[in-house]
């Protein structure tokens, strides 16, 4: 996870989409999570 900082959280309606970032020109994926804003349910 340390290699995916900074983390970003985007609000979409009643949900938060949270993801990591990769350095420019790096290939691969990042951790992702979808969280309900009202109660914190992952």
ModelCIF file with pLDDT and N, C-alpha, C, O atoms, coordinates in Angstrom:
data_MODEL
#
_entry.id   MODEL 
#
_entity.id                         1 
_entity.type                       polymer 
_entity.pdbx_number_of_molecules   1 
#
_entity_poly.entity_id                      1 
_entity_poly.type                           'polypeptide(L)' 
_entity_poly.nstd_linkage                   no 
_entity_poly.nstd_monomer                   no 
_entity_poly.pdbx_seq_one_letter_code       
;(UNK)(UNK)(UNK)(UNK)(UNK)(UNK)(UNK)(UNK)(UNK)(UNK)(UNK)(UNK)(UNK)(UNK)(UNK)(UNK)
(UNK)(UNK)(UNK)(UNK)(UNK)(UNK)(UNK)(UNK)(UNK)(UNK)(UNK)(UNK)(UNK)(UNK)(UNK)(UNK)
(UNK)(UNK)(UNK)(UNK)(UNK)(UNK)(UNK)(UNK)(UNK)(UNK)
;
_entity_poly.pdbx_seq_one_letter_code_can   XXXXXXXXXXXXXXXXXXXXXXXXXXXXXXXXXXXXXXXXXX 
_entity_poly.pdbx_strand_id                 A 
#
loop_
_entity_poly_seq.entity_id 
_entity_poly_seq.num 
_entity_poly_seq.mon_id 
_entity_poly_seq.hetero 
1 1  UNK n 
1 2  UNK n 
1 3  UNK n 
1 4  UNK n 
1 5  UNK n 
1 6  UNK n 
1 7  UNK n 
1 8  UNK n 
1 9  UNK n 
1 10 UNK n 
1 11 UNK n 
1 12 UNK n 
1 13 UNK n 
1 14 UNK n 
1 15 UNK n 
1 16 UNK n 
1 17 UNK n 
1 18 UNK n 
1 19 UNK n 
1 20 UNK n 
1 21 UNK n 
1 22 UNK n 
1 23 UNK n 
1 24 UNK n 
1 25 UNK n 
1 26 UNK n 
1 27 UNK n 
1 28 UNK n 
1 29 UNK n 
1 30 UNK n 
1 31 UNK n 
1 32 UNK n 
1 33 UNK n 
1 34 UNK n 
1 35 UNK n 
1 36 UNK n 
1 37 UNK n 
1 38 UNK n 
1 39 UNK n 
1 40 UNK n 
1 41 UNK n 
1 42 UNK n 
#
_struct_asym.id          A 
_struct_asym.entity_id   1 
#
loop_
_ma_qa_metric.id 
_ma_qa_metric.mode 
_ma_qa_metric.name 
_ma_qa_metric.software_group_id 
_ma_qa_metric.type 
1 global pLDDT . pLDDT 
2 local  pLDDT . pLDDT 
#
_ma_qa_metric_global.metric_id      1 
_ma_qa_metric_global.metric_value   93.26 
_ma_qa_metric_global.model_id       1 
_ma_qa_metric_global.ordinal_id     1 
#
loop_
_ma_qa_metric_local.label_asym_id 
_ma_qa_metric_local.label_comp_id 
_ma_qa_metric_local.label_seq_id 
_ma_qa_metric_local.metric_id 
_ma_qa_metric_local.metric_value 
_ma_qa_metric_local.model_id 
_ma_qa_metric_local.ordinal_id 
A UNK 1  2 91.00 1 1  
A UNK 2  2 89.00 1 2  
A UNK 3  2 87.00 1 3  
A UNK 4  2 92.00 1 4  
A UNK 5  2 93.00 1 5  
A UNK 6  2 95.00 1 6  
A UNK 7  2 97.00 1 7  
A UNK 8  2 97.00 1 8  
A UNK 9  2 98.00 1 9  
A UNK 10 2 98.00 1 10 
A UNK 11 2 98.00 1 11 
A UNK 12 2 98.00 1 12 
A UNK 13 2 97.00 1 13 
A UNK 14 2 96.00 1 14 
A UNK 15 2 98.00 1 15 
A UNK 16 2 98.00 1 16 
A UNK 17 2 98.00 1 17 
A UNK 18 2 98.00 1 18 
A UNK 19 2 97.00 1 19 
A UNK 20 2 95.00 1 20 
A UNK 21 2 94.00 1 21 
A UNK 22 2 87.00 1 22 
A UNK 23 2 80.00 1 23 
A UNK 24 2 83.00 1 24 
A UNK 25 2 81.00 1 25 
A UNK 26 2 81.00 1 26 
A UNK 27 2 79.00 1 27 
A UNK 28 2 80.00 1 28 
A UNK 29 2 89.00 1 29 
A UNK 30 2 94.00 1 30 
A UNK 31 2 96.00 1 31 
A UNK 32 2 97.00 1 32 
A UNK 33 2 98.00 1 33 
A UNK 34 2 98.00 1 34 
A UNK 35 2 98.00 1 35 
A UNK 36 2 97.00 1 36 
A UNK 37 2 97.00 1 37 
A UNK 38 2 94.00 1 38 
A UNK 39 2 94.00 1 39 
A UNK 40 2 96.00 1 40 
A UNK 41 2 96.00 1 41 
A UNK 42 2 98.00 1 42 
#
loop_
_atom_site.group_PDB 
_atom_site.id 
_atom_site.type_symbol 
_atom_site.label_atom_id 
_atom_site.label_alt_id 
_atom_site.label_comp_id 
_atom_site.label_asym_id 
_atom_site.label_entity_id 
_atom_site.label_seq_id 
_atom_site.pdbx_PDB_ins_code 
_atom_site.Cartn_x 
_atom_site.Cartn_y 
_atom_site.Cartn_z 
_atom_site.occupancy 
_atom_site.B_iso_or_equiv 
_atom_site.pdbx_formal_charge 
_atom_site.auth_seq_id 
_atom_site.auth_comp_id 
_atom_site.auth_asym_id 
_atom_site.auth_atom_id 
_atom_site.pdbx_PDB_model_num 
ATOM 1   N N  . UNK A 1 1  ? 0.812   -1.213 0.000   1.00 91.00 ? 1  UNK A N  1 
ATOM 2   C CA . UNK A 1 1  ? 0.000   0.000  0.000   1.00 91.00 ? 1  UNK A CA 1 
ATOM 3   C C  . UNK A 1 1  ? 0.849   1.269  0.000   1.00 91.00 ? 1  UNK A C  1 
ATOM 4   O O  . UNK A 1 1  ? 0.439   2.286  -0.558  1.00 91.00 ? 1  UNK A O  1 
ATOM 5   N N  . UNK A 1 2  ? 2.018   1.218  0.616   1.00 89.00 ? 2  UNK A N  1 
ATOM 6   C CA . UNK A 1 2  ? 2.879   2.408  0.672   1.00 89.00 ? 2  UNK A CA 1 
ATOM 7   C C  . UNK A 1 2  ? 3.225   2.918  -0.722  1.00 89.00 ? 2  UNK A C  1 
ATOM 8   O O  . UNK A 1 2  ? 3.382   4.123  -0.918  1.00 89.00 ? 2  UNK A O  1 
ATOM 9   N N  . UNK A 1 3  ? 3.344   2.024  -1.681  1.00 87.00 ? 3  UNK A N  1 
ATOM 10  C CA . UNK A 1 3  ? 3.655   2.429  -3.046  1.00 87.00 ? 3  UNK A CA 1 
ATOM 11  C C  . UNK A 1 3  ? 2.460   2.987  -3.797  1.00 87.00 ? 3  UNK A C  1 
ATOM 12  O O  . UNK A 1 3  ? 2.581   3.357  -4.964  1.00 87.00 ? 3  UNK A O  1 
ATOM 13  N N  . UNK A 1 4  ? 1.305   3.051  -3.142  1.00 92.00 ? 4  UNK A N  1 
ATOM 14  C CA . UNK A 1 4  ? 0.090   3.531  -3.801  1.00 92.00 ? 4  UNK A CA 1 
ATOM 15  C C  . UNK A 1 4  ? -0.387  4.879  -3.242  1.00 92.00 ? 4  UNK A C  1 
ATOM 16  O O  . UNK A 1 4  ? -1.492  5.330  -3.547  1.00 92.00 ? 4  UNK A O  1 
ATOM 17  N N  . UNK A 1 5  ? 0.447   5.505  -2.434  1.00 93.00 ? 5  UNK A N  1 
ATOM 18  C CA . UNK A 1 5  ? 0.093   6.817  -1.890  1.00 93.00 ? 5  UNK A CA 1 
ATOM 19  C C  . UNK A 1 5  ? 0.336   7.887  -2.947  1.00 93.00 ? 5  UNK A C  1 
ATOM 20  O O  . UNK A 1 5  ? 1.229   7.720  -3.778  1.00 93.00 ? 5  UNK A O  1 
ATOM 21  N N  . UNK A 1 6  ? -0.409  8.959  -2.947  1.00 95.00 ? 6  UNK A N  1 
ATOM 22  C CA . UNK A 1 6  ? -1.494  9.292  -2.029  1.00 95.00 ? 6  UNK A CA 1 
ATOM 23  C C  . UNK A 1 6  ? -2.775  8.550  -2.405  1.00 95.00 ? 6  UNK A C  1 
ATOM 24  O O  . UNK A 1 6  ? -2.962  8.125  -3.545  1.00 95.00 ? 6  UNK A O  1 
ATOM 25  N N  . UNK A 1 7  ? -3.648  8.409  -1.408  1.00 97.00 ? 7  UNK A N  1 
ATOM 26  C CA . UNK A 1 7  ? -4.938  7.773  -1.628  1.00 97.00 ? 7  UNK A CA 1 
ATOM 27  C C  . UNK A 1 7  ? -5.967  8.858  -1.928  1.00 97.00 ? 7  UNK A C  1 
ATOM 28  O O  . UNK A 1 7  ? -5.853  9.987  -1.453  1.00 97.00 ? 7  UNK A O  1 
ATOM 29  N N  . UNK A 1 8  ? -6.957  8.504  -2.712  1.00 97.00 ? 8  UNK A N  1 
ATOM 30  C CA . UNK A 1 8  ? -7.970  9.455  -3.136  1.00 97.00 ? 8  UNK A CA 1 
ATOM 31  C C  . UNK A 1 8  ? -9.347  8.903  -2.793  1.00 97.00 ? 8  UNK A C  1 
ATOM 32  O O  . UNK A 1 8  ? -9.601  7.709  -2.952  1.00 97.00 ? 8  UNK A O  1 
ATOM 33  N N  . UNK A 1 9  ? -10.228 9.771  -2.326  1.00 98.00 ? 9  UNK A N  1 
ATOM 34  C CA . UNK A 1 9  ? -11.613 9.391  -2.045  1.00 98.00 ? 9  UNK A CA 1 
ATOM 35  C C  . UNK A 1 9  ? -12.528 10.309 -2.846  1.00 98.00 ? 9  UNK A C  1 
ATOM 36  O O  . UNK A 1 9  ? -12.420 11.534 -2.781  1.00 98.00 ? 9  UNK A O  1 
ATOM 37  N N  . UNK A 1 10 ? -13.424 9.694  -3.598  1.00 98.00 ? 10 UNK A N  1 
ATOM 38  C CA . UNK A 1 10 ? -14.343 10.439 -4.456  1.00 98.00 ? 10 UNK A CA 1 
ATOM 39  C C  . UNK A 1 10 ? -15.769 10.123 -4.012  1.00 98.00 ? 10 UNK A C  1 
ATOM 40  O O  . UNK A 1 10 ? -16.154 8.958  -3.920  1.00 98.00 ? 10 UNK A O  1 
ATOM 41  N N  . UNK A 1 11 ? -16.540 11.156 -3.742  1.00 98.00 ? 11 UNK A N  1 
ATOM 42  C CA . UNK A 1 11 ? -17.943 10.987 -3.331  1.00 98.00 ? 11 UNK A CA 1 
ATOM 43  C C  . UNK A 1 11 ? -18.808 10.877 -4.580  1.00 98.00 ? 11 UNK A C  1 
ATOM 44  O O  . UNK A 1 11 ? -18.695 11.687 -5.501  1.00 98.00 ? 11 UNK A O  1 
ATOM 45  N N  . UNK A 1 12 ? -19.669 9.870  -4.600  1.00 98.00 ? 12 UNK A N  1 
ATOM 46  C CA . UNK A 1 12 ? -20.625 9.697  -5.690  1.00 98.00 ? 12 UNK A CA 1 
ATOM 47  C C  . UNK A 1 12 ? -21.950 9.317  -5.057  1.00 98.00 ? 12 UNK A C  1 
ATOM 48  O O  . UNK A 1 12 ? -22.157 8.166  -4.671  1.00 98.00 ? 12 UNK A O  1 
ATOM 49  N N  . UNK A 1 13 ? -22.842 10.282 -4.953  1.00 97.00 ? 13 UNK A N  1 
ATOM 50  C CA . UNK A 1 13 ? -24.118 10.030 -4.287  1.00 97.00 ? 13 UNK A CA 1 
ATOM 51  C C  . UNK A 1 13 ? -23.900 9.639  -2.839  1.00 97.00 ? 13 UNK A C  1 
ATOM 52  O O  . UNK A 1 13 ? -23.254 10.367 -2.086  1.00 97.00 ? 13 UNK A O  1 
ATOM 53  N N  . UNK A 1 14 ? -24.436 8.488  -2.446  1.00 96.00 ? 14 UNK A N  1 
ATOM 54  C CA . UNK A 1 14 ? -24.296 8.047  -1.054  1.00 96.00 ? 14 UNK A CA 1 
ATOM 55  C C  . UNK A 1 14 ? -23.068 7.158  -0.828  1.00 96.00 ? 14 UNK A C  1 
ATOM 56  O O  . UNK A 1 14 ? -22.957 6.502  0.208   1.00 96.00 ? 14 UNK A O  1 
ATOM 57  N N  . UNK A 1 15 ? -22.164 7.138  -1.779  1.00 98.00 ? 15 UNK A N  1 
ATOM 58  C CA . UNK A 1 15 ? -20.999 6.256  -1.687  1.00 98.00 ? 15 UNK A CA 1 
ATOM 59  C C  . UNK A 1 15 ? -19.689 7.020  -1.787  1.00 98.00 ? 15 UNK A C  1 
ATOM 60  O O  . UNK A 1 15 ? -19.609 8.089  -2.392  1.00 98.00 ? 15 UNK A O  1 
ATOM 61  N N  . UNK A 1 16 ? -18.665 6.437  -1.175  1.00 98.00 ? 16 UNK A N  1 
ATOM 62  C CA . UNK A 1 16 ? -17.285 6.881  -1.348  1.00 98.00 ? 16 UNK A CA 1 
ATOM 63  C C  . UNK A 1 16 ? -16.537 5.803  -2.116  1.00 98.00 ? 16 UNK A C  1 
ATOM 64  O O  . UNK A 1 16 ? -16.595 4.627  -1.756  1.00 98.00 ? 16 UNK A O  1 
ATOM 65  N N  . UNK A 1 17 ? -15.838 6.195  -3.165  1.00 98.00 ? 17 UNK A N  1 
ATOM 66  C CA . UNK A 1 17 ? -14.924 5.300  -3.873  1.00 98.00 ? 17 UNK A CA 1 
ATOM 67  C C  . UNK A 1 17 ? -13.531 5.740  -3.475  1.00 98.00 ? 17 UNK A C  1 
ATOM 68  O O  . UNK A 1 17 ? -13.154 6.891  -3.691  1.00 98.00 ? 17 UNK A O  1 
ATOM 69  N N  . UNK A 1 18 ? -12.760 4.827  -2.891  1.00 98.00 ? 18 UNK A N  1 
ATOM 70  C CA . UNK A 1 18 ? -11.410 5.138  -2.409  1.00 98.00 ? 18 UNK A CA 1 
ATOM 71  C C  . UNK A 1 18 ? -10.425 4.293  -3.194  1.00 98.00 ? 18 UNK A C  1 
ATOM 72  O O  . UNK A 1 18 ? -10.647 3.100  -3.402  1.00 98.00 ? 18 UNK A O  1 
ATOM 73  N N  . UNK A 1 19 ? -9.334  4.913  -3.631  1.00 97.00 ? 19 UNK A N  1 
ATOM 74  C CA . UNK A 1 19 ? -8.328  4.172  -4.391  1.00 97.00 ? 19 UNK A CA 1 
ATOM 75  C C  . UNK A 1 19 ? -6.950  4.766  -4.168  1.00 97.00 ? 19 UNK A C  1 
ATOM 76  O O  . UNK A 1 19 ? -6.797  5.904  -3.726  1.00 97.00 ? 19 UNK A O  1 
ATOM 77  N N  . UNK A 1 20 ? -5.955  3.956  -4.490  1.00 95.00 ? 20 UNK A N  1 
ATOM 78  C CA . UNK A 1 20 ? -4.580  4.416  -4.447  1.00 95.00 ? 20 UNK A CA 1 
ATOM 79  C C  . UNK A 1 20 ? -4.206  5.047  -5.779  1.00 95.00 ? 20 UNK A C  1 
ATOM 80  O O  . UNK A 1 20 ? -5.018  5.104  -6.703  1.00 95.00 ? 20 UNK A O  1 
ATOM 81  N N  . UNK A 1 21 ? -2.973  5.517  -5.866  1.00 94.00 ? 21 UNK A N  1 
ATOM 82  C CA . UNK A 1 21 ? -2.461  6.067  -7.127  1.00 94.00 ? 21 UNK A CA 1 
ATOM 83  C C  . UNK A 1 21 ? -1.115  5.418  -7.424  1.00 94.00 ? 21 UNK A C  1 
ATOM 84  O O  . UNK A 1 21 ? -0.422  4.944  -6.523  1.00 94.00 ? 21 UNK A O  1 
ATOM 85  N N  . UNK A 1 22 ? -0.769  5.406  -8.682  1.00 87.00 ? 22 UNK A N  1 
ATOM 86  C CA . UNK A 1 22 ? 0.534   4.892  -9.102  1.00 87.00 ? 22 UNK A CA 1 
ATOM 87  C C  . UNK A 1 22 ? 1.373   6.035  -9.659  1.00 87.00 ? 22 UNK A C  1 
ATOM 88  O O  . UNK A 1 22 ? 0.832   7.007  -10.185 1.00 87.00 ? 22 UNK A O  1 
ATOM 89  N N  . UNK A 1 23 ? 2.685   5.921  -9.543  1.00 80.00 ? 23 UNK A N  1 
ATOM 90  C CA . UNK A 1 23 ? 3.543   6.951  -10.132 1.00 80.00 ? 23 UNK A CA 1 
ATOM 91  C C  . UNK A 1 23 ? 3.314   7.031  -11.644 1.00 80.00 ? 23 UNK A C  1 
ATOM 92  O O  . UNK A 1 23 ? 2.889   6.051  -12.256 1.00 80.00 ? 23 UNK A O  1 
ATOM 93  N N  . UNK A 1 24 ? 3.593   8.186  -12.248 1.00 83.00 ? 24 UNK A N  1 
ATOM 94  C CA . UNK A 1 24 ? 3.417   8.335  -13.692 1.00 83.00 ? 24 UNK A CA 1 
ATOM 95  C C  . UNK A 1 24 ? 4.150   7.242  -14.472 1.00 83.00 ? 24 UNK A C  1 
ATOM 96  O O  . UNK A 1 24 ? 5.271   6.865  -14.131 1.00 83.00 ? 24 UNK A O  1 
ATOM 97  N N  . UNK A 1 25 ? 3.507   6.748  -15.507 1.00 81.00 ? 25 UNK A N  1 
ATOM 98  C CA . UNK A 1 25 ? 4.039   5.748  -16.437 1.00 81.00 ? 25 UNK A CA 1 
ATOM 99  C C  . UNK A 1 25 ? 4.219   4.363  -15.827 1.00 81.00 ? 25 UNK A C  1 
ATOM 100 O O  . UNK A 1 25 ? 4.800   3.487  -16.469 1.00 81.00 ? 25 UNK A O  1 
ATOM 101 N N  . UNK A 1 26 ? 3.736   4.139  -14.606 1.00 81.00 ? 26 UNK A N  1 
ATOM 102 C CA . UNK A 1 26 ? 3.782   2.802  -14.019 1.00 81.00 ? 26 UNK A CA 1 
ATOM 103 C C  . UNK A 1 26 ? 2.560   2.031  -14.484 1.00 81.00 ? 26 UNK A C  1 
ATOM 104 O O  . UNK A 1 26 ? 1.473   2.591  -14.630 1.00 81.00 ? 26 UNK A O  1 
ATOM 105 N N  . UNK A 1 27 ? 2.749   0.762  -14.711 1.00 79.00 ? 27 UNK A N  1 
ATOM 106 C CA . UNK A 1 27 ? 1.642   -0.111 -15.076 1.00 79.00 ? 27 UNK A CA 1 
ATOM 107 C C  . UNK A 1 27 ? 1.197   -0.900 -13.856 1.00 79.00 ? 27 UNK A C  1 
ATOM 108 O O  . UNK A 1 27 ? 1.997   -1.180 -12.964 1.00 79.00 ? 27 UNK A O  1 
ATOM 109 N N  . UNK A 1 28 ? -0.054  -1.251 -13.818 1.00 80.00 ? 28 UNK A N  1 
ATOM 110 C CA . UNK A 1 28 ? -0.558  -2.048 -12.705 1.00 80.00 ? 28 UNK A CA 1 
ATOM 111 C C  . UNK A 1 28 ? -1.819  -1.445 -12.146 1.00 80.00 ? 28 UNK A C  1 
ATOM 112 O O  . UNK A 1 28 ? -2.345  -0.468 -12.677 1.00 80.00 ? 28 UNK A O  1 
ATOM 113 N N  . UNK A 1 29 ? -2.297  -2.026 -11.080 1.00 89.00 ? 29 UNK A N  1 
ATOM 114 C CA . UNK A 1 29 ? -3.528  -1.568 -10.466 1.00 89.00 ? 29 UNK A CA 1 
ATOM 115 C C  . UNK A 1 29 ? -3.292  -1.076 -9.055  1.00 89.00 ? 29 UNK A C  1 
ATOM 116 O O  . UNK A 1 29 ? -2.187  -1.153 -8.518  1.00 89.00 ? 29 UNK A O  1 
ATOM 117 N N  . UNK A 1 30 ? -4.342  -0.578 -8.485  1.00 94.00 ? 30 UNK A N  1 
ATOM 118 C CA . UNK A 1 30 ? -4.279  -0.046 -7.123  1.00 94.00 ? 30 UNK A CA 1 
ATOM 119 C C  . UNK A 1 30 ? -5.428  -0.625 -6.296  1.00 94.00 ? 30 UNK A C  1 
ATOM 120 O O  . UNK A 1 30 ? -6.405  -1.141 -6.838  1.00 94.00 ? 30 UNK A O  1 
ATOM 121 N N  . UNK A 1 31 ? -5.289  -0.527 -4.989  1.00 96.00 ? 31 UNK A N  1 
ATOM 122 C CA . UNK A 1 31 ? -6.350  -0.953 -4.082  1.00 96.00 ? 31 UNK A CA 1 
ATOM 123 C C  . UNK A 1 31 ? -7.565  -0.050 -4.283  1.00 96.00 ? 31 UNK A C  1 
ATOM 124 O O  . UNK A 1 31 ? -7.433  1.152  -4.510  1.00 96.00 ? 31 UNK A O  1 
ATOM 125 N N  . UNK A 1 32 ? -8.756  -0.656 -4.195  1.00 97.00 ? 32 UNK A N  1 
ATOM 126 C CA . UNK A 1 32 ? -10.004 0.077  -4.369  1.00 97.00 ? 32 UNK A CA 1 
ATOM 127 C C  . UNK A 1 32 ? -10.991 -0.365 -3.295  1.00 97.00 ? 32 UNK A C  1 
ATOM 128 O O  . UNK A 1 32 ? -10.989 -1.520 -2.868  1.00 97.00 ? 32 UNK A O  1 
ATOM 129 N N  . UNK A 1 33 ? -11.832 0.570  -2.866  1.00 98.00 ? 33 UNK A N  1 
ATOM 130 C CA . UNK A 1 33 ? -12.873 0.241  -1.890  1.00 98.00 ? 33 UNK A CA 1 
ATOM 131 C C  . UNK A 1 33 ? -14.094 1.096  -2.169  1.00 98.00 ? 33 UNK A C  1 
ATOM 132 O O  . UNK A 1 33 ? -13.980 2.255  -2.568  1.00 98.00 ? 33 UNK A O  1 
ATOM 133 N N  . UNK A 1 34 ? -15.256 0.516  -1.956  1.00 98.00 ? 34 UNK A N  1 
ATOM 134 C CA . UNK A 1 34 ? -16.524 1.230  -2.060  1.00 98.00 ? 34 UNK A CA 1 
ATOM 135 C C  . UNK A 1 34 ? -17.170 1.211  -0.682  1.00 98.00 ? 34 UNK A C  1 
ATOM 136 O O  . UNK A 1 34 ? -17.393 0.148  -0.103  1.00 98.00 ? 34 UNK A O  1 
ATOM 137 N N  . UNK A 1 35 ? -17.468 2.401  -0.161  1.00 98.00 ? 35 UNK A N  1 
ATOM 138 C CA . UNK A 1 35 ? -17.945 2.545  1.214   1.00 98.00 ? 35 UNK A CA 1 
ATOM 139 C C  . UNK A 1 35 ? -19.244 3.356  1.219   1.00 98.00 ? 35 UNK A C  1 
ATOM 140 O O  . UNK A 1 35 ? -19.345 4.379  0.542   1.00 98.00 ? 35 UNK A O  1 
ATOM 141 N N  . UNK A 1 36 ? -20.230 2.897  1.981   1.00 97.00 ? 36 UNK A N  1 
ATOM 142 C CA . UNK A 1 36 ? -21.489 3.627  2.113   1.00 97.00 ? 36 UNK A CA 1 
ATOM 143 C C  . UNK A 1 36 ? -21.284 4.767  3.110   1.00 97.00 ? 36 UNK A C  1 
ATOM 144 O O  . UNK A 1 36 ? -20.840 4.539  4.236   1.00 97.00 ? 36 UNK A O  1 
ATOM 145 N N  . UNK A 1 37 ? -21.606 5.987  2.696   1.00 97.00 ? 37 UNK A N  1 
ATOM 146 C CA . UNK A 1 37 ? -21.380 7.167  3.530   1.00 97.00 ? 37 UNK A CA 1 
ATOM 147 C C  . UNK A 1 37 ? -22.248 7.182  4.784   1.00 97.00 ? 37 UNK A C  1 
ATOM 148 O O  . UNK A 1 37 ? -21.797 7.633  5.838   1.00 97.00 ? 37 UNK A O  1 
ATOM 149 N N  . UNK A 1 38 ? -23.465 6.705  4.690   1.00 94.00 ? 38 UNK A N  1 
ATOM 150 C CA . UNK A 1 38 ? -24.391 6.809  5.815   1.00 94.00 ? 38 UNK A CA 1 
ATOM 151 C C  . UNK A 1 38 ? -23.963 6.001  7.036   1.00 94.00 ? 38 UNK A C  1 
ATOM 152 O O  . UNK A 1 38 ? -24.168 6.434  8.170   1.00 94.00 ? 38 UNK A O  1 
ATOM 153 N N  . UNK A 1 39 ? -23.363 4.817  6.805   1.00 94.00 ? 39 UNK A N  1 
ATOM 154 C CA . UNK A 1 39 ? -23.038 3.963  7.950   1.00 94.00 ? 39 UNK A CA 1 
ATOM 155 C C  . UNK A 1 39 ? -21.621 3.378  7.952   1.00 94.00 ? 39 UNK A C  1 
ATOM 156 O O  . UNK A 1 39 ? -21.261 2.646  8.874   1.00 94.00 ? 39 UNK A O  1 
ATOM 157 N N  . UNK A 1 40 ? -20.818 3.689  6.937   1.00 96.00 ? 40 UNK A N  1 
ATOM 158 C CA . UNK A 1 40 ? -19.441 3.203  6.897   1.00 96.00 ? 40 UNK A CA 1 
ATOM 159 C C  . UNK A 1 40 ? -19.300 1.770  6.416   1.00 96.00 ? 40 UNK A C  1 
ATOM 160 O O  . UNK A 1 40 ? -18.211 1.200  6.489   1.00 96.00 ? 40 UNK A O  1 
ATOM 161 N N  . UNK A 1 41 ? -20.375 1.183  5.929   1.00 96.00 ? 41 UNK A N  1 
ATOM 162 C CA . UNK A 1 41 ? -20.321 -0.199 5.456   1.00 96.00 ? 41 UNK A CA 1 
ATOM 163 C C  . UNK A 1 41 ? -19.389 -0.300 4.248   1.00 96.00 ? 41 UNK A C  1 
ATOM 164 O O  . UNK A 1 41 ? -19.524 0.449  3.280   1.00 96.00 ? 41 UNK A O  1 
ATOM 165 N N  . UNK A 1 42 ? -18.453 -1.227 4.319   1.00 98.00 ? 42 UNK A N  1 
ATOM 166 C CA . UNK A 1 42 ? -17.549 -1.482 3.196   1.00 98.00 ? 42 UNK A CA 1 
ATOM 167 C C  . UNK A 1 42 ? -18.250 -2.476 2.283   1.00 98.00 ? 42 UNK A C  1 
ATOM 168 O O  . UNK A 1 42 ? -17.698 -2.862 1.252   1.00 98.00 ? 42 UNK A O  1 
#
